């Protein structure tokens, strides 16, 4: 669809103003300081949204650490954990700067919509690097890509199990061989986070490929990039919130940015570096006796799908032996839905 010139005339100044607002606050030399802002965004389809950002500058100099939550607005434990972190951080104890995006996808959050922003039907975690003249979700991705990621030393994207997902808590990073030092640091920070399961994903993108995922964009751009997954089923579990907060505090302490005594590195550290996905080929009702965290053997029947009359129309065998990272935990499934992810060490 072609965008009328007068519409662009109205929208481009808004984007420039948003960028200037963020950059002015970030570049301000006042320390310590704390500023909260709403970055207003709109598109040619008359969709309006905002991106909340908090910039917290410590009393002393140090790295820039970015935390993003709510890329999927139905993933509540990350959002609640970040709300608590913003209240608890004492600027006089902080060295460096925290950039916190407490709810990246406010359209999804306030409409209680999993995965996609209902305004433009776009999944923010599939939209990076975004578009300056795109839909509102694509503009959120573009703003983060062009303003937030470039000034970040470490970029942490916090997720959880969405409305339908049973999930094993873990921390993960990409094995990006284009940036070996950053990848090594991401691994080291993951292993001090207190999470038992540390997952590395293969990185196969070319420099010209769209990253799609939030923290994969930061990884592609040469940053130390991590992601935490904690929480499940669109509910707030206090233990999931605590895991996220302890993980953040442990990483900040390791980076000498903020000292707070929390959980020690997990002594039962389990490293996983390969994943196998089971996708549905039919639409129907999903059944499985397994849950996230269960170990499975290659060839074991891990679930099946019936039609609306209870007739089995598809079944699934584990393609590998490993541990279930996450799975669909509600009955409805559609073609191409990932019903299970099995991770293992190779």
C-alpha atoms as a PDB file:
ATOM      1  CA  UNK A   1       0.000   0.000   0.000  1.00  0.00           C
ATOM      2  CA  UNK A   2       1.372   3.423  -0.921  1.00  0.00           C
ATOM      3  CA  UNK A   3       1.413   5.953   1.901  1.00  0.00           C
ATOM      4  CA  UNK A   4       0.155   9.429   1.063  1.00  0.00           C
ATOM      5  CA  UNK A   5       2.869  12.105   1.338  1.00  0.00           C
ATOM      6  CA  UNK A   6       0.852  14.164   3.829  1.00  0.00           C
ATOM      7  CA  UNK A   7       0.592  11.117   6.135  1.00  0.00           C
ATOM      8  CA  UNK A   8       4.362  10.683   6.051  1.00  0.00           C
ATOM      9  CA  UNK A   9       4.686  14.418   6.719  1.00  0.00           C
ATOM     10  CA  UNK A  10       2.757  13.909   9.963  1.00  0.00           C
ATOM     11  CA  UNK A  11       4.370  10.641  11.073  1.00  0.00           C
ATOM     12  CA  UNK A  12       8.073  11.299  10.409  1.00  0.00           C
ATOM     13  CA  UNK A  13       8.320  14.296  12.794  1.00  0.00           C
ATOM     14  CA  UNK A  14       6.723  12.161  15.526  1.00  0.00           C
ATOM     15  CA  UNK A  15       9.420   9.488  15.062  1.00  0.00           C
ATOM     16  CA  UNK A  16      12.205  12.085  15.084  1.00  0.00           C
ATOM     17  CA  UNK A  17      10.761  13.646  18.247  1.00  0.00           C
ATOM     18  CA  UNK A  18      10.672  10.239  19.944  1.00  0.00           C
ATOM     19  CA  UNK A  19      14.284   9.556  19.019  1.00  0.00           C
ATOM     20  CA  UNK A  20      15.346  12.979  20.270  1.00  0.00           C
ATOM     21  CA  UNK A  21      13.495  12.453  23.551  1.00  0.00           C
ATOM     22  CA  UNK A  22      15.328   9.204  24.220  1.00  0.00           C
ATOM     23  CA  UNK A  23      18.721  10.463  23.079  1.00  0.00           C
ATOM     24  CA  UNK A  24      18.454  13.681  25.085  1.00  0.00           C
ATOM     25  CA  UNK A  25      17.766  11.732  28.266  1.00  0.00           C
ATOM     26  CA  UNK A  26      20.412   9.089  27.606  1.00  0.00           C
ATOM     27  CA  UNK A  27      23.128  11.640  26.776  1.00  0.00           C
ATOM     28  CA  UNK A  28      22.343  13.906  29.749  1.00  0.00           C
ATOM     29  CA  UNK A  29      25.393  13.870  32.045  1.00  0.00           C
ATOM     30  CA  UNK A  30      23.413  14.229  35.278  1.00  0.00           C
ATOM     31  CA  UNK A  31      24.286  11.428  37.720  1.00  0.00           C
ATOM     32  CA  UNK A  32      22.584   9.806  39.499  1.00  0.00           C
ATOM     33  CA  UNK A  33      19.307  10.256  37.670  1.00  0.00           C
ATOM     34  CA  UNK A  34      16.116   8.445  36.826  1.00  0.00           C
ATOM     35  CA  UNK A  35      13.778   9.373  33.994  1.00  0.00           C
ATOM     36  CA  UNK A  36      10.651   7.638  32.761  1.00  0.00           C
ATOM     37  CA  UNK A  37       9.262   8.401  29.323  1.00  0.00           C
ATOM     38  CA  UNK A  38       6.619   7.260  26.870  1.00  0.00           C
ATOM     39  CA  UNK A  39       7.705   7.102  23.254  1.00  0.00           C
ATOM     40  CA  UNK A  40       4.557   7.812  21.211  1.00  0.00           C
ATOM     41  CA  UNK A  41       4.267   5.971  17.891  1.00  0.00           C
ATOM     42  CA  UNK A  42       1.613   5.947  15.157  1.00  0.00           C
ATOM     43  CA  UNK A  43       1.235   4.497  11.687  1.00  0.00           C
ATOM     44  CA  UNK A  44      -0.593   5.268   8.456  1.00  0.00           C
ATOM     45  CA  UNK A  45      -3.506   3.024   9.467  1.00  0.00           C
ATOM     46  CA  UNK A  46      -4.282   5.349  12.391  1.00  0.00           C
ATOM     47  CA  UNK A  47      -2.918   2.924  14.965  1.00  0.00           C
ATOM     48  CA  UNK A  48      -1.384   4.590  18.006  1.00  0.00           C
ATOM     49  CA  UNK A  49       0.787   3.053  20.706  1.00  0.00           C
ATOM     50  CA  UNK A  50       3.570   3.960  23.095  1.00  0.00           C
ATOM     51  CA  UNK A  51       6.829   2.427  24.256  1.00  0.00           C
ATOM     52  CA  UNK A  52       7.562   2.994  27.972  1.00  0.00           C
ATOM     53  CA  UNK A  53      11.266   3.404  28.764  1.00  0.00           C
ATOM     54  CA  UNK A  54      13.031   4.050  32.045  1.00  0.00           C
ATOM     55  CA  UNK A  55      16.628   5.293  32.023  1.00  0.00           C
ATOM     56  CA  UNK A  56      18.350   4.823  35.387  1.00  0.00           C
ATOM     57  CA  UNK A  57      21.818   6.328  35.729  1.00  0.00           C
ATOM     58  CA  UNK A  58      23.962   5.274  38.639  1.00  0.00           C
ATOM     59  CA  UNK A  59      26.079   7.412  40.871  1.00  0.00           C
ATOM     60  CA  UNK A  60      29.224   5.958  39.302  1.00  0.00           C
ATOM     61  CA  UNK A  61      30.312   5.286  35.727  1.00  0.00           C
ATOM     62  CA  UNK A  62      29.871   1.822  34.243  1.00  0.00           C
ATOM     63  CA  UNK A  63      28.371  -0.214  31.399  1.00  0.00           C
ATOM     64  CA  UNK A  64      24.952   0.197  29.804  1.00  0.00           C
ATOM     65  CA  UNK A  65      22.672  -2.731  30.599  1.00  0.00           C
ATOM     66  CA  UNK A  66      19.316  -2.972  28.806  1.00  0.00           C
ATOM     67  CA  UNK A  67      16.382  -5.062  30.042  1.00  0.00           C
ATOM     68  CA  UNK A  68      13.320  -5.618  27.850  1.00  0.00           C
ATOM     69  CA  UNK A  69      10.131  -7.305  29.061  1.00  0.00           C
ATOM     70  CA  UNK A  70       6.688  -7.686  27.549  1.00  0.00           C
ATOM     71  CA  UNK A  71       7.707  -8.284  23.932  1.00  0.00           C
ATOM     72  CA  UNK A  72       4.800 -10.696  24.231  1.00  0.00           C
ATOM     73  CA  UNK A  73       2.192  -8.921  26.343  1.00  0.00           C
ATOM     74  CA  UNK A  74       0.705 -12.118  27.797  1.00  0.00           C
ATOM     75  CA  UNK A  75       4.001 -13.142  29.427  1.00  0.00           C
ATOM     76  CA  UNK A  76       3.369 -11.725  32.879  1.00  0.00           C
ATOM     77  CA  UNK A  77       6.208 -12.932  35.178  1.00  0.00           C
ATOM     78  CA  UNK A  78       8.858 -10.950  33.215  1.00  0.00           C
ATOM     79  CA  UNK A  79       6.688  -7.817  33.332  1.00  0.00           C
ATOM     80  CA  UNK A  80       6.047  -8.129  37.074  1.00  0.00           C
ATOM     81  CA  UNK A  81       9.734  -8.897  37.769  1.00  0.00           C
ATOM     82  CA  UNK A  82      10.820  -5.763  35.899  1.00  0.00           C
ATOM     83  CA  UNK A  83       8.238  -3.664  37.753  1.00  0.00           C
ATOM     84  CA  UNK A  84       9.791  -4.806  41.027  1.00  0.00           C
ATOM     85  CA  UNK A  85      13.352  -4.261  39.804  1.00  0.00           C
ATOM     86  CA  UNK A  86      12.593  -0.664  38.850  1.00  0.00           C
ATOM     87  CA  UNK A  87      11.331  -0.008  42.381  1.00  0.00           C
ATOM     88  CA  UNK A  88      14.215  -1.768  44.111  1.00  0.00           C
ATOM     89  CA  UNK A  89      17.242  -0.392  42.237  1.00  0.00           C
ATOM     90  CA  UNK A  90      19.041   2.237  44.337  1.00  0.00           C
ATOM     91  CA  UNK A  91      20.767   4.712  42.004  1.00  0.00           C
ATOM     92  CA  UNK A  92      23.395   5.462  44.651  1.00  0.00           C
ATOM     93  CA  UNK A  93      24.499   1.824  44.523  1.00  0.00           C
ATOM     94  CA  UNK A  94      24.417   1.561  40.728  1.00  0.00           C
ATOM     95  CA  UNK A  95      27.500   1.871  38.527  1.00  0.00           C
ATOM     96  CA  UNK A  96      26.556   2.528  34.945  1.00  0.00           C
ATOM     97  CA  UNK A  97      23.173   2.873  33.277  1.00  0.00           C
ATOM     98  CA  UNK A  98      20.097   0.696  33.129  1.00  0.00           C
ATOM     99  CA  UNK A  99      17.754   1.088  30.173  1.00  0.00           C
ATOM    100  CA  UNK A 100      14.517  -0.688  31.038  1.00  0.00           C
ATOM    101  CA  UNK A 101      11.603  -1.274  28.694  1.00  0.00           C
ATOM    102  CA  UNK A 102       9.026  -2.694  31.126  1.00  0.00           C
ATOM    103  CA  UNK A 103       6.349  -3.533  28.521  1.00  0.00           C
ATOM    104  CA  UNK A 104       7.581  -3.485  24.935  1.00  0.00           C
ATOM    105  CA  UNK A 105       4.222  -4.437  23.446  1.00  0.00           C
ATOM    106  CA  UNK A 106       1.625  -2.395  25.331  1.00  0.00           C
ATOM    107  CA  UNK A 107      -0.992  -3.094  22.653  1.00  0.00           C
ATOM    108  CA  UNK A 108      -0.745  -6.815  23.319  1.00  0.00           C
ATOM    109  CA  UNK A 109      -0.521  -6.354  27.095  1.00  0.00           C
ATOM    110  CA  UNK A 110      -3.575  -4.172  27.629  1.00  0.00           C
ATOM    111  CA  UNK A 111      -5.744  -6.206  25.265  1.00  0.00           C
ATOM    112  CA  UNK A 112      -4.628  -9.486  26.936  1.00  0.00           C
ATOM    113  CA  UNK A 113      -3.647 -10.806  23.513  1.00  0.00           C
ATOM    114  CA  UNK A 114      -0.919 -13.470  23.208  1.00  0.00           C
ATOM    115  CA  UNK A 115       1.858 -13.220  20.633  1.00  0.00           C
ATOM    116  CA  UNK A 116       0.536 -10.468  18.324  1.00  0.00           C
ATOM    117  CA  UNK A 117      -0.374  -6.835  18.708  1.00  0.00           C
ATOM    118  CA  UNK A 118      -4.103  -6.775  17.833  1.00  0.00           C
ATOM    119  CA  UNK A 119      -3.732  -3.315  16.272  1.00  0.00           C
ATOM    120  CA  UNK A 120      -1.704  -4.485  13.280  1.00  0.00           C
ATOM    121  CA  UNK A 121      -1.665  -8.293  13.813  1.00  0.00           C
ATOM    122  CA  UNK A 122       2.165  -8.288  13.971  1.00  0.00           C
ATOM    123  CA  UNK A 123       4.266 -10.357  16.387  1.00  0.00           C
ATOM    124  CA  UNK A 124       6.935  -8.026  17.794  1.00  0.00           C
ATOM    125  CA  UNK A 125       9.271 -10.984  18.305  1.00  0.00           C
ATOM    126  CA  UNK A 126       9.164 -11.599  14.574  1.00  0.00           C
ATOM    127  CA  UNK A 127       9.468  -7.983  13.411  1.00  0.00           C
ATOM    128  CA  UNK A 128      13.128  -7.004  13.873  1.00  0.00           C
ATOM    129  CA  UNK A 129      14.871  -4.893  12.661  1.00  0.00           C
ATOM    130  CA  UNK A 130      11.530  -3.188  12.053  1.00  0.00           C
ATOM    131  CA  UNK A 131      10.604  -0.407   9.623  1.00  0.00           C
ATOM    132  CA  UNK A 132      10.606   3.358  10.168  1.00  0.00           C
ATOM    133  CA  UNK A 133       7.509   3.685   7.944  1.00  0.00           C
ATOM    134  CA  UNK A 134       5.858   0.388   8.906  1.00  0.00           C
ATOM    135  CA  UNK A 135       3.009  -0.529  11.221  1.00  0.00           C
ATOM    136  CA  UNK A 136       3.135   0.428  14.902  1.00  0.00           C
ATOM    137  CA  UNK A 137       4.718  -2.890  15.924  1.00  0.00           C
ATOM    138  CA  UNK A 138       7.328  -2.587  13.189  1.00  0.00           C
ATOM    139  CA  UNK A 139       8.038   0.937  14.437  1.00  0.00           C
ATOM    140  CA  UNK A 140       8.588  -0.363  17.971  1.00  0.00           C
ATOM    141  CA  UNK A 141      11.125  -2.843  16.588  1.00  0.00           C
ATOM    142  CA  UNK A 142      12.779  -0.105  14.530  1.00  0.00           C
ATOM    143  CA  UNK A 143      13.033   2.225  17.528  1.00  0.00           C
ATOM    144  CA  UNK A 144      14.673  -0.454  19.677  1.00  0.00           C
ATOM    145  CA  UNK A 145      17.019  -1.448  16.830  1.00  0.00           C
ATOM    146  CA  UNK A 146      18.161   2.061  15.981  1.00  0.00           C
ATOM    147  CA  UNK A 147      18.139   3.735  19.398  1.00  0.00           C
ATOM    148  CA  UNK A 148      18.356   1.255  22.258  1.00  0.00           C
ATOM    149  CA  UNK A 149      20.525  -1.598  20.976  1.00  0.00           C
ATOM    150  CA  UNK A 150      23.354   0.644  19.648  1.00  0.00           C
ATOM    151  CA  UNK A 151      23.991   2.198  23.084  1.00  0.00           C
ATOM    152  CA  UNK A 152      23.727  -1.096  25.007  1.00  0.00           C
ATOM    153  CA  UNK A 153      26.717  -3.103  26.196  1.00  0.00           C
ATOM    154  CA  UNK A 154      24.540  -5.974  27.415  1.00  0.00           C
ATOM    155  CA  UNK A 155      21.021  -6.618  26.123  1.00  0.00           C
ATOM    156  CA  UNK A 156      18.676  -8.879  28.120  1.00  0.00           C
ATOM    157  CA  UNK A 157      15.299  -9.879  26.676  1.00  0.00           C
ATOM    158  CA  UNK A 158      13.013 -11.474  29.295  1.00  0.00           C
ATOM    159  CA  UNK A 159      10.267 -13.885  28.251  1.00  0.00           C
ATOM    160  CA  UNK A 160       8.027 -16.533  29.775  1.00  0.00           C
ATOM    161  CA  UNK A 161       5.489 -19.119  28.732  1.00  0.00           C
ATOM    162  CA  UNK A 162       2.646 -17.389  26.935  1.00  0.00           C
ATOM    163  CA  UNK A 163      -1.038 -18.170  27.423  1.00  0.00           C
ATOM    164  CA  UNK A 164      -0.758 -21.716  26.048  1.00  0.00           C
ATOM    165  CA  UNK A 165       2.829 -22.653  26.947  1.00  0.00           C
ATOM    166  CA  UNK A 166       4.211 -24.875  29.676  1.00  0.00           C
ATOM    167  CA  UNK A 167       7.862 -23.891  30.031  1.00  0.00           C
ATOM    168  CA  UNK A 168      11.018 -24.977  31.843  1.00  0.00           C
ATOM    169  CA  UNK A 169      12.859 -21.933  33.292  1.00  0.00           C
ATOM    170  CA  UNK A 170      16.149 -21.331  31.472  1.00  0.00           C
ATOM    171  CA  UNK A 171      18.566 -18.677  30.280  1.00  0.00           C
ATOM    172  CA  UNK A 172      19.890 -18.677  26.726  1.00  0.00           C
ATOM    173  CA  UNK A 173      22.211 -17.036  24.223  1.00  0.00           C
ATOM    174  CA  UNK A 174      23.227 -17.452  20.579  1.00  0.00           C
ATOM    175  CA  UNK A 175      26.498 -19.098  19.622  1.00  0.00           C
ATOM    176  CA  UNK A 176      27.471 -16.262  17.270  1.00  0.00           C
ATOM    177  CA  UNK A 177      30.932 -17.084  15.954  1.00  0.00           C
ATOM    178  CA  UNK A 178      31.122 -13.704  14.206  1.00  0.00           C
ATOM    179  CA  UNK A 179      31.513 -12.129  17.658  1.00  0.00           C
ATOM    180  CA  UNK A 180      33.413 -14.706  19.764  1.00  0.00           C
ATOM    181  CA  UNK A 181      34.212 -12.382  22.682  1.00  0.00           C
ATOM    182  CA  UNK A 182      30.604 -11.265  23.051  1.00  0.00           C
ATOM    183  CA  UNK A 183      29.401 -14.873  22.797  1.00  0.00           C
ATOM    184  CA  UNK A 184      31.887 -15.965  25.471  1.00  0.00           C
ATOM    185  CA  UNK A 185      30.719 -13.185  27.778  1.00  0.00           C
ATOM    186  CA  UNK A 186      27.070 -14.081  27.163  1.00  0.00           C
ATOM    187  CA  UNK A 187      27.863 -17.667  28.156  1.00  0.00           C
ATOM    188  CA  UNK A 188      29.698 -16.559  31.306  1.00  0.00           C
ATOM    189  CA  UNK A 189      26.866 -14.262  32.398  1.00  0.00           C
ATOM    190  CA  UNK A 190      24.334 -17.023  31.724  1.00  0.00           C
ATOM    191  CA  UNK A 191      26.232 -19.443  33.916  1.00  0.00           C
ATOM    192  CA  UNK A 192      26.302 -17.106  36.938  1.00  0.00           C
ATOM    193  CA  UNK A 193      22.592 -16.262  36.669  1.00  0.00           C
ATOM    194  CA  UNK A 194      21.393 -18.978  39.040  1.00  0.00           C
ATOM    195  CA  UNK A 195      19.386 -20.803  36.367  1.00  0.00           C
ATOM    196  CA  UNK A 196      19.952 -24.549  36.262  1.00  0.00           C
ATOM    197  CA  UNK A 197      19.461 -24.788  32.500  1.00  0.00           C
ATOM    198  CA  UNK A 198      21.742 -22.776  30.219  1.00  0.00           C
ATOM    199  CA  UNK A 199      20.767 -23.088  26.557  1.00  0.00           C
ATOM    200  CA  UNK A 200      22.809 -21.997  23.557  1.00  0.00           C
ATOM    201  CA  UNK A 201      21.141 -21.661  20.177  1.00  0.00           C
ATOM    202  CA  UNK A 202      22.965 -22.079  16.855  1.00  0.00           C
ATOM    203  CA  UNK A 203      23.487 -18.835  14.970  1.00  0.00           C
ATOM    204  CA  UNK A 204      23.253 -19.091  11.181  1.00  0.00           C
ATOM    205  CA  UNK A 205      22.200 -15.577  10.100  1.00  0.00           C
ATOM    206  CA  UNK A 206      24.025 -13.625   7.453  1.00  0.00           C
ATOM    207  CA  UNK A 207      24.644  -9.947   8.152  1.00  0.00           C
ATOM    208  CA  UNK A 208      21.930  -9.032   5.631  1.00  0.00           C
ATOM    209  CA  UNK A 209      19.286 -11.406   7.038  1.00  0.00           C
ATOM    210  CA  UNK A 210      16.466  -9.983   9.188  1.00  0.00           C
ATOM    211  CA  UNK A 211      17.040 -11.047  12.794  1.00  0.00           C
ATOM    212  CA  UNK A 212      13.283 -11.261  13.530  1.00  0.00           C
ATOM    213  CA  UNK A 213      13.763 -11.950  17.271  1.00  0.00           C
ATOM    214  CA  UNK A 214      14.443  -9.173  19.752  1.00  0.00           C
ATOM    215  CA  UNK A 215      17.648 -10.350  21.391  1.00  0.00           C
ATOM    216  CA  UNK A 216      18.806 -11.988  18.166  1.00  0.00           C
ATOM    217  CA  UNK A 217      18.887  -8.479  16.681  1.00  0.00           C
ATOM    218  CA  UNK A 218      21.209  -7.393  19.494  1.00  0.00           C
ATOM    219  CA  UNK A 219      23.345 -10.480  18.891  1.00  0.00           C
ATOM    220  CA  UNK A 220      23.482  -9.744  15.162  1.00  0.00           C
ATOM    221  CA  UNK A 221      24.576  -6.198  15.976  1.00  0.00           C
ATOM    222  CA  UNK A 222      27.544  -7.442  18.002  1.00  0.00           C
ATOM    223  CA  UNK A 223      26.187  -6.957  21.509  1.00  0.00           C
ATOM    224  CA  UNK A 224      26.385  -9.266  24.506  1.00  0.00           C
ATOM    225  CA  UNK A 225      22.852 -10.624  24.188  1.00  0.00           C
ATOM    226  CA  UNK A 226      20.907 -12.905  26.513  1.00  0.00           C
ATOM    227  CA  UNK A 227      17.354 -14.034  27.063  1.00  0.00           C
ATOM    228  CA  UNK A 228      15.637 -15.399  30.154  1.00  0.00           C
ATOM    229  CA  UNK A 229      12.573 -17.650  29.926  1.00  0.00           C
ATOM    230  CA  UNK A 230      10.653 -17.976  33.190  1.00  0.00           C
ATOM    231  CA  UNK A 231       6.958 -18.420  33.904  1.00  0.00           C
ATOM    232  CA  UNK A 232       4.183 -20.202  32.057  1.00  0.00           C
ATOM    233  CA  UNK A 233       0.544 -20.387  31.048  1.00  0.00           C
ATOM    234  CA  UNK A 234      -0.166 -16.650  31.150  1.00  0.00           C
ATOM    235  CA  UNK A 235      -0.095 -16.557  34.961  1.00  0.00           C
ATOM    236  CA  UNK A 236       2.135 -14.850  37.515  1.00  0.00           C
ATOM    237  CA  UNK A 237       4.117 -17.448  39.476  1.00  0.00           C
ATOM    238  CA  UNK A 238       6.086 -15.871  42.323  1.00  0.00           C
ATOM    239  CA  UNK A 239       8.891 -18.386  41.921  1.00  0.00           C
ATOM    240  CA  UNK A 240       9.232 -17.391  38.259  1.00  0.00           C
ATOM    241  CA  UNK A 241       9.387 -13.695  39.192  1.00  0.00           C
ATOM    242  CA  UNK A 242      12.049 -14.439  41.823  1.00  0.00           C
ATOM    243  CA  UNK A 243      14.152 -16.432  39.348  1.00  0.00           C
ATOM    244  CA  UNK A 244      14.165 -13.512  36.920  1.00  0.00           C
ATOM    245  CA  UNK A 245      15.065 -10.935  39.569  1.00  0.00           C
ATOM    246  CA  UNK A 246      17.800 -13.091  41.069  1.00  0.00           C
ATOM    247  CA  UNK A 247      19.185 -13.716  37.598  1.00  0.00           C
ATOM    248  CA  UNK A 248      19.355  -9.991  36.845  1.00  0.00           C
ATOM    249  CA  UNK A 249      20.952  -9.162  40.193  1.00  0.00           C
ATOM    250  CA  UNK A 250      23.528 -11.935  39.767  1.00  0.00           C
ATOM    251  CA  UNK A 251      24.485 -10.691  36.308  1.00  0.00           C
ATOM    252  CA  UNK A 252      24.692  -7.073  37.494  1.00  0.00           C
ATOM    253  CA  UNK A 253      26.869  -8.148  40.420  1.00  0.00           C
ATOM    254  CA  UNK A 254      29.212 -10.078  38.113  1.00  0.00           C
ATOM    255  CA  UNK A 255      29.499  -6.968  35.940  1.00  0.00           C
ATOM    256  CA  UNK A 256      30.258  -4.876  39.062  1.00  0.00           C
ATOM    257  CA  UNK A 257      27.262  -2.685  38.340  1.00  0.00           C
ATOM    258  CA  UNK A 258      25.128  -3.462  41.389  1.00  0.00           C
ATOM    259  CA  UNK A 259      25.811  -5.553  44.461  1.00  0.00           C
ATOM    260  CA  UNK A 260      22.970  -7.435  46.057  1.00  0.00           C
ATOM    261  CA  UNK A 261      23.279 -10.826  47.714  1.00  0.00           C
ATOM    262  CA  UNK A 262      20.948 -13.305  46.002  1.00  0.00           C
ATOM    263  CA  UNK A 263      21.208 -16.935  44.888  1.00  0.00           C
ATOM    264  CA  UNK A 264      24.623 -18.346  44.054  1.00  0.00           C
ATOM    265  CA  UNK A 265      25.409 -19.891  40.642  1.00  0.00           C
ATOM    266  CA  UNK A 266      23.467 -23.125  40.315  1.00  0.00           C
ATOM    267  CA  UNK A 267      25.586 -26.122  41.272  1.00  0.00           C
ATOM    268  CA  UNK A 268      23.450 -28.394  39.068  1.00  0.00           C
ATOM    269  CA  UNK A 269      24.222 -26.432  35.909  1.00  0.00           C
ATOM    270  CA  UNK A 270      22.906 -28.211  32.808  1.00  0.00           C
ATOM    271  CA  UNK A 271      24.152 -27.029  29.417  1.00  0.00           C
ATOM    272  CA  UNK A 272      22.018 -27.648  26.324  1.00  0.00           C
ATOM    273  CA  UNK A 273      23.178 -26.651  22.847  1.00  0.00           C
ATOM    274  CA  UNK A 274      20.791 -28.293  20.359  1.00  0.00           C
ATOM    275  CA  UNK A 275      17.040 -28.153  19.853  1.00  0.00           C
ATOM    276  CA  UNK A 276      14.511 -30.287  18.022  1.00  0.00           C
ATOM    277  CA  UNK A 277      11.014 -28.963  17.344  1.00  0.00           C
ATOM    278  CA  UNK A 278       7.811 -30.944  16.872  1.00  0.00           C
ATOM    279  CA  UNK A 279       5.253 -29.116  14.718  1.00  0.00           C
ATOM    280  CA  UNK A 280       1.620 -29.960  14.170  1.00  0.00           C
ATOM    281  CA  UNK A 281       0.636 -30.989  10.644  1.00  0.00           C
ATOM    282  CA  UNK A 282      -3.097 -31.071  11.366  1.00  0.00           C
ATOM    283  CA  UNK A 283      -5.632 -28.955  13.230  1.00  0.00           C
ATOM    284  CA  UNK A 284      -7.253 -30.510  16.255  1.00  0.00           C
ATOM    285  CA  UNK A 285      -7.116 -31.211  20.002  1.00  0.00           C
ATOM    286  CA  UNK A 286      -3.702 -31.929  21.541  1.00  0.00           C
ATOM    287  CA  UNK A 287      -3.036 -34.428  24.334  1.00  0.00           C
ATOM    288  CA  UNK A 288       0.222 -35.191  26.115  1.00  0.00           C
ATOM    289  CA  UNK A 289       1.108 -36.751  29.447  1.00  0.00           C
ATOM    290  CA  UNK A 290       4.471 -34.982  29.426  1.00  0.00           C
ATOM    291  CA  UNK A 291       5.282 -31.581  30.909  1.00  0.00           C
ATOM    292  CA  UNK A 292       8.110 -29.096  30.520  1.00  0.00           C
ATOM    293  CA  UNK A 293      11.264 -30.347  32.241  1.00  0.00           C
ATOM    294  CA  UNK A 294      10.536 -34.032  31.600  1.00  0.00           C
ATOM    295  CA  UNK A 295      13.233 -36.152  29.997  1.00  0.00           C
ATOM    296  CA  UNK A 296      12.217 -38.099  26.904  1.00  0.00           C
ATOM    297  CA  UNK A 297      13.820 -40.892  24.906  1.00  0.00           C
ATOM    298  CA  UNK A 298      14.076 -40.896  21.147  1.00  0.00           C
ATOM    299  CA  UNK A 299      11.098 -42.725  19.649  1.00  0.00           C
ATOM    300  CA  UNK A 300       8.820 -42.307  22.658  1.00  0.00           C
ATOM    301  CA  UNK A 301       5.257 -41.225  21.869  1.00  0.00           C
ATOM    302  CA  UNK A 302       5.026 -37.782  23.463  1.00  0.00           C
ATOM    303  CA  UNK A 303       1.577 -36.685  22.341  1.00  0.00           C
ATOM    304  CA  UNK A 304      -1.291 -37.038  19.880  1.00  0.00           C
ATOM    305  CA  UNK A 305      -4.023 -34.985  18.227  1.00  0.00           C
ATOM    306  CA  UNK A 306      -7.685 -35.908  17.852  1.00  0.00           C
ATOM    307  CA  UNK A 307     -10.456 -34.397  15.791  1.00  0.00           C
ATOM    308  CA  UNK A 308     -13.563 -32.867  17.407  1.00  0.00           C
ATOM    309  CA  UNK A 309     -15.093 -36.339  17.747  1.00  0.00           C
ATOM    310  CA  UNK A 310     -12.165 -37.821  19.677  1.00  0.00           C
ATOM    311  CA  UNK A 311     -10.618 -39.738  16.786  1.00  0.00           C
ATOM    312  CA  UNK A 312      -6.816 -39.733  16.772  1.00  0.00           C
ATOM    313  CA  UNK A 313      -5.606 -38.088  13.568  1.00  0.00           C
ATOM    314  CA  UNK A 314      -1.925 -37.561  14.374  1.00  0.00           C
ATOM    315  CA  UNK A 315       0.659 -38.670  16.923  1.00  0.00           C
ATOM    316  CA  UNK A 316       4.178 -37.537  17.760  1.00  0.00           C
ATOM    317  CA  UNK A 317       7.352 -39.420  18.554  1.00  0.00           C
ATOM    318  CA  UNK A 318      10.355 -37.745  20.135  1.00  0.00           C
ATOM    319  CA  UNK A 319      12.892 -37.253  17.306  1.00  0.00           C
ATOM    320  CA  UNK A 320      15.752 -37.085  19.829  1.00  0.00           C
ATOM    321  CA  UNK A 321      16.481 -37.851  23.460  1.00  0.00           C
ATOM    322  CA  UNK A 322      16.568 -34.789  25.680  1.00  0.00           C
ATOM    323  CA  UNK A 323      14.595 -32.510  28.007  1.00  0.00           C
ATOM    324  CA  UNK A 324      11.367 -30.730  27.100  1.00  0.00           C
ATOM    325  CA  UNK A 325      12.061 -26.980  27.143  1.00  0.00           C
ATOM    326  CA  UNK A 326       8.478 -25.996  26.402  1.00  0.00           C
ATOM    327  CA  UNK A 327       5.257 -27.432  25.030  1.00  0.00           C
ATOM    328  CA  UNK A 328       1.689 -26.495  24.275  1.00  0.00           C
ATOM    329  CA  UNK A 329      -0.318 -27.139  27.427  1.00  0.00           C
ATOM    330  CA  UNK A 330      -3.796 -26.244  26.205  1.00  0.00           C
ATOM    331  CA  UNK A 331      -5.920 -28.427  23.885  1.00  0.00           C
ATOM    332  CA  UNK A 332      -6.298 -26.421  20.648  1.00  0.00           C
ATOM    333  CA  UNK A 333      -3.569 -26.680  18.004  1.00  0.00           C
ATOM    334  CA  UNK A 334      -3.339 -25.463  14.429  1.00  0.00           C
ATOM    335  CA  UNK A 335      -1.221 -26.534  11.482  1.00  0.00           C
ATOM    336  CA  UNK A 336       2.428 -25.453  11.952  1.00  0.00           C
ATOM    337  CA  UNK A 337       2.054 -24.807  15.695  1.00  0.00           C
ATOM    338  CA  UNK A 338       5.159 -25.958  17.582  1.00  0.00           C
ATOM    339  CA  UNK A 339       3.701 -28.388  20.085  1.00  0.00           C
ATOM    340  CA  UNK A 340       7.028 -29.238  21.762  1.00  0.00           C
ATOM    341  CA  UNK A 341      10.678 -28.236  21.846  1.00  0.00           C
ATOM    342  CA  UNK A 342      13.186 -30.859  23.005  1.00  0.00           C
ATOM    343  CA  UNK A 343      16.684 -29.673  23.869  1.00  0.00           C
ATOM    344  CA  UNK A 344      19.823 -31.750  24.355  1.00  0.00           C
ATOM    345  CA  UNK A 345      23.623 -31.483  24.514  1.00  0.00           C
ATOM    346  CA  UNK A 346      25.534 -32.484  21.407  1.00  0.00           C
END
